[in-house]
Amino acid sequence: MFGASASFATPIGYQTNTLVYGPGGYRFTDFIRIGLPLNLTLLCSLSFLIPLFFPF
């Protein structure tokens, strides 16, 4: 669930990214430049936090 909702690196990863892509004047590289570090940050932090809140 977290992985599916954390796709920020492309404009087609989430509905609102696609909506603002054209009217906002964004380029594909803008999403990669901001979204890729955000995805990596969430990967590292959620890999640690999810097992704390949802133990097996």
N, C-alpha and C. Protein backbone atom coordinates (compact mmCIF):
# COMPACT_ATOMS: atom_id res chain seq x y z
N MET A 1 0.82 -1.16 0.00
CA MET A 1 0.00 0.00 0.00
C MET A 1 0.88 1.25 0.00
N PHE A 2 1.89 1.27 0.82
CA PHE A 2 2.76 2.45 0.87
C PHE A 2 3.56 2.61 -0.43
N GLY A 3 4.04 1.51 -0.95
CA GLY A 3 4.81 1.57 -2.19
C GLY A 3 3.98 2.03 -3.38
N ALA A 4 2.75 1.62 -3.43
CA ALA A 4 1.89 2.00 -4.55
C ALA A 4 1.49 3.47 -4.50
N SER A 5 1.41 4.03 -3.32
CA SER A 5 1.00 5.43 -3.20
C SER A 5 2.18 6.39 -3.16
N ALA A 6 3.39 5.89 -3.22
CA ALA A 6 4.58 6.75 -3.14
C ALA A 6 5.34 6.76 -4.46
N SER A 7 4.67 7.08 -5.53
CA SER A 7 5.33 7.13 -6.83
C SER A 7 5.37 8.59 -7.28
N PHE A 8 6.44 9.27 -6.93
CA PHE A 8 6.55 10.70 -7.21
C PHE A 8 7.50 11.01 -8.35
N ALA A 9 8.20 10.02 -8.89
CA ALA A 9 9.27 10.28 -9.84
C ALA A 9 8.79 10.46 -11.28
N THR A 10 7.53 10.22 -11.56
CA THR A 10 7.02 10.42 -12.92
C THR A 10 5.69 11.16 -12.86
N PRO A 11 5.35 11.88 -13.90
CA PRO A 11 4.06 12.56 -13.90
C PRO A 11 2.88 11.61 -14.06
N ILE A 12 3.13 10.38 -14.49
CA ILE A 12 2.02 9.44 -14.64
C ILE A 12 1.91 8.51 -13.44
N GLY A 13 2.68 8.77 -12.39
CA GLY A 13 2.66 7.91 -11.21
C GLY A 13 1.42 8.12 -10.35
N TYR A 14 0.84 9.29 -10.40
CA TYR A 14 -0.34 9.58 -9.59
C TYR A 14 -1.22 10.56 -10.36
N GLN A 15 -2.49 10.55 -10.07
CA GLN A 15 -3.45 11.34 -10.86
C GLN A 15 -3.17 12.84 -10.81
N THR A 16 -2.89 13.37 -9.62
CA THR A 16 -2.67 14.81 -9.53
C THR A 16 -1.38 15.24 -10.21
N ASN A 17 -0.38 14.36 -10.26
CA ASN A 17 0.83 14.69 -11.01
C ASN A 17 0.50 14.89 -12.48
N THR A 18 -0.34 14.04 -13.02
CA THR A 18 -0.74 14.15 -14.42
C THR A 18 -1.57 15.41 -14.66
N LEU A 19 -2.41 15.76 -13.70
CA LEU A 19 -3.26 16.95 -13.86
C LEU A 19 -2.45 18.24 -13.90
N VAL A 20 -1.40 18.35 -13.10
CA VAL A 20 -0.63 19.59 -13.06
C VAL A 20 0.52 19.60 -14.06
N TYR A 21 0.79 18.49 -14.70
CA TYR A 21 1.92 18.36 -15.62
C TYR A 21 1.83 19.37 -16.76
N GLY A 22 0.74 19.42 -17.45
CA GLY A 22 0.58 20.32 -18.59
C GLY A 22 0.32 21.76 -18.20
N PRO A 23 -0.73 22.03 -17.43
CA PRO A 23 -1.04 23.42 -17.08
C PRO A 23 0.05 24.09 -16.23
N GLY A 24 0.78 23.33 -15.44
CA GLY A 24 1.81 23.92 -14.60
C GLY A 24 3.10 24.22 -15.33
N GLY A 25 3.23 23.74 -16.56
CA GLY A 25 4.43 23.98 -17.34
C GLY A 25 5.63 23.16 -16.87
N TYR A 26 5.36 22.04 -16.21
CA TYR A 26 6.44 21.20 -15.72
C TYR A 26 7.00 20.34 -16.84
N ARG A 27 8.24 19.94 -16.68
CA ARG A 27 8.88 19.01 -17.60
C ARG A 27 9.02 17.67 -16.90
N PHE A 28 9.25 16.63 -17.69
CA PHE A 28 9.41 15.29 -17.12
C PHE A 28 10.59 15.24 -16.16
N THR A 29 11.65 15.96 -16.47
CA THR A 29 12.83 15.97 -15.62
C THR A 29 12.58 16.65 -14.27
N ASP A 30 11.61 17.55 -14.20
CA ASP A 30 11.26 18.17 -12.92
C ASP A 30 10.76 17.12 -11.93
N PHE A 31 9.96 16.20 -12.42
CA PHE A 31 9.43 15.15 -11.56
C PHE A 31 10.53 14.21 -11.10
N ILE A 32 11.47 13.90 -12.00
CA ILE A 32 12.58 13.02 -11.63
C ILE A 32 13.49 13.71 -10.63
N ARG A 33 13.78 14.99 -10.85
CA ARG A 33 14.70 15.73 -9.98
C ARG A 33 14.18 15.84 -8.55
N ILE A 34 12.90 16.04 -8.38
CA ILE A 34 12.31 16.17 -7.04
C ILE A 34 11.78 14.83 -6.54
N GLY A 35 11.17 14.06 -7.40
CA GLY A 35 10.51 12.82 -6.99
C GLY A 35 11.43 11.69 -6.63
N LEU A 36 12.56 11.56 -7.31
CA LEU A 36 13.48 10.46 -7.03
C LEU A 36 14.09 10.56 -5.63
N PRO A 37 14.61 11.72 -5.20
CA PRO A 37 15.08 11.81 -3.81
C PRO A 37 13.97 11.59 -2.79
N LEU A 38 12.77 12.04 -3.11
CA LEU A 38 11.65 11.83 -2.20
C LEU A 38 11.31 10.34 -2.10
N ASN A 39 11.32 9.64 -3.22
CA ASN A 39 11.09 8.19 -3.20
C ASN A 39 12.15 7.47 -2.39
N LEU A 40 13.41 7.86 -2.55
CA LEU A 40 14.49 7.22 -1.80
C LEU A 40 14.39 7.51 -0.30
N THR A 41 14.00 8.72 0.05
CA THR A 41 13.80 9.08 1.45
C THR A 41 12.69 8.24 2.07
N LEU A 42 11.58 8.11 1.34
CA LEU A 42 10.48 7.31 1.86
C LEU A 42 10.84 5.83 1.93
N LEU A 43 11.62 5.34 0.99
CA LEU A 43 12.06 3.95 1.02
C LEU A 43 12.85 3.67 2.29
N CYS A 44 13.80 4.53 2.59
CA CYS A 44 14.63 4.32 3.79
C CYS A 44 13.84 4.48 5.07
N SER A 45 13.03 5.52 5.16
CA SER A 45 12.31 5.76 6.40
C SER A 45 11.18 4.74 6.62
N LEU A 46 10.46 4.40 5.58
CA LEU A 46 9.36 3.44 5.75
C LEU A 46 9.85 2.02 5.97
N SER A 47 11.03 1.69 5.43
CA SER A 47 11.59 0.36 5.69
C SER A 47 11.89 0.17 7.17
N PHE A 48 12.18 1.24 7.85
CA PHE A 48 12.44 1.19 9.28
C PHE A 48 11.15 1.33 10.10
N LEU A 49 10.26 2.20 9.69
CA LEU A 49 9.08 2.53 10.50
C LEU A 49 7.92 1.53 10.38
N ILE A 50 7.71 0.96 9.22
CA ILE A 50 6.58 0.04 9.04
C ILE A 50 6.68 -1.16 9.97
N PRO A 51 7.84 -1.81 10.11
CA PRO A 51 7.91 -2.94 11.05
C PRO A 51 7.70 -2.53 12.52
N LEU A 52 7.98 -1.27 12.84
CA LEU A 52 7.73 -0.82 14.21
C LEU A 52 6.24 -0.69 14.50
N PHE A 53 5.49 -0.17 13.54
CA PHE A 53 4.06 0.03 13.74
C PHE A 53 3.21 -1.18 13.41
N PHE A 54 3.70 -2.03 12.51
CA PHE A 54 2.97 -3.23 12.11
C PHE A 54 3.85 -4.47 12.26
N PRO A 55 4.11 -4.90 13.48
CA PRO A 55 5.00 -6.06 13.67
C PRO A 55 4.31 -7.35 13.23
N PHE A 56 5.13 -8.33 12.90
CA PHE A 56 4.59 -9.64 12.50
C PHE A 56 4.17 -10.43 13.70
